[in-house]
């Protein structure tokens, strides 16, 4: 496991859960069949990193692209 890959996956799960409103099992299934508790743990870690940094990473929450991506997936 590479840290950058793991952190990116955790932020991806956080965006799916927080911005798109997906459940943890849905996030887990969509991203390769992880256990929903793995997703839960990853989202918690991503939120903690974000809170510690006091800023969104790479402008994740500052663009309209997140909502557009969520809308594309949900129809």
Protein backbone atom coordinates (compact mmCIF):
# COMPACT_ATOMS: atom_id res chain seq x y z
CA UNK A 1 0.00 0.00 0.00
CA UNK A 2 1.23 3.43 -0.92
CA UNK A 3 0.26 6.34 1.28
CA UNK A 4 -0.76 8.63 -1.59
CA UNK A 5 -2.97 5.95 -3.10
CA UNK A 6 -4.60 5.09 0.22
CA UNK A 7 -5.23 8.74 1.07
CA UNK A 8 -6.68 9.43 -2.37
CA UNK A 9 -9.03 6.47 -1.99
CA UNK A 10 -10.12 7.70 1.44
CA UNK A 11 -10.87 11.19 0.08
CA UNK A 12 -12.77 9.61 -2.80
CA UNK A 13 -14.93 7.71 -0.31
CA UNK A 14 -15.43 10.87 1.73
CA UNK A 15 -16.64 12.77 -1.33
CA UNK A 16 -18.98 9.95 -2.37
CA UNK A 17 -20.42 9.80 1.13
CA UNK A 18 -20.56 13.50 2.01
CA UNK A 19 -21.24 15.16 -1.34
CA UNK A 20 -23.17 12.46 -3.20
CA UNK A 21 -24.99 11.02 -0.21
CA UNK A 22 -23.94 7.43 -0.84
CA UNK A 23 -24.03 4.95 2.02
CA UNK A 24 -20.84 3.27 3.20
CA UNK A 25 -21.86 -0.08 1.64
CA UNK A 26 -22.56 1.66 -1.69
CA UNK A 27 -19.15 3.36 -1.61
CA UNK A 28 -17.50 0.05 -0.79
CA UNK A 29 -19.24 -1.83 -3.58
CA UNK A 30 -18.60 0.88 -6.17
CA UNK A 31 -14.88 1.10 -5.39
CA UNK A 32 -14.00 -2.55 -5.73
CA UNK A 33 -15.81 -4.56 -3.11
CA UNK A 34 -14.23 -3.24 0.07
CA UNK A 35 -15.92 -3.89 3.39
CA UNK A 36 -18.17 -1.03 4.47
CA UNK A 37 -16.27 -0.73 7.75
CA UNK A 38 -13.06 -0.15 5.77
CA UNK A 39 -14.81 2.74 4.03
CA UNK A 40 -16.09 4.08 7.35
CA UNK A 41 -12.59 4.02 8.81
CA UNK A 42 -11.14 5.66 5.70
CA UNK A 43 -13.72 8.46 5.73
CA UNK A 44 -12.98 9.15 9.39
CA UNK A 45 -9.25 9.35 8.67
CA UNK A 46 -9.80 11.65 5.69
CA UNK A 47 -11.99 13.97 7.77
CA UNK A 48 -9.36 14.06 10.52
CA UNK A 49 -6.60 14.91 8.04
CA UNK A 50 -8.78 17.61 6.52
CA UNK A 51 -9.60 19.08 9.93
CA UNK A 52 -5.93 19.01 10.94
CA UNK A 53 -4.93 20.85 7.78
CA UNK A 54 -7.81 23.35 8.17
CA UNK A 55 -8.25 23.33 4.41
CA UNK A 56 -9.76 21.12 1.74
CA UNK A 57 -7.13 19.12 -0.17
CA UNK A 58 -6.61 20.23 -3.75
CA UNK A 59 -9.81 22.25 -3.73
CA UNK A 60 -12.00 19.15 -3.51
CA UNK A 61 -14.95 20.95 -1.92
CA UNK A 62 -14.47 24.20 -3.81
CA UNK A 63 -15.39 23.08 -7.31
CA UNK A 64 -18.73 22.32 -8.89
CA UNK A 65 -17.23 19.24 -10.54
CA UNK A 66 -17.97 17.07 -7.51
CA UNK A 67 -21.71 17.68 -7.71
CA UNK A 68 -21.66 17.18 -11.48
CA UNK A 69 -19.91 13.83 -11.04
CA UNK A 70 -22.44 12.80 -8.41
CA UNK A 71 -25.34 13.76 -10.66
CA UNK A 72 -23.85 11.78 -13.55
CA UNK A 73 -23.65 8.63 -11.41
CA UNK A 74 -27.14 8.90 -9.94
CA UNK A 75 -28.83 9.66 -13.21
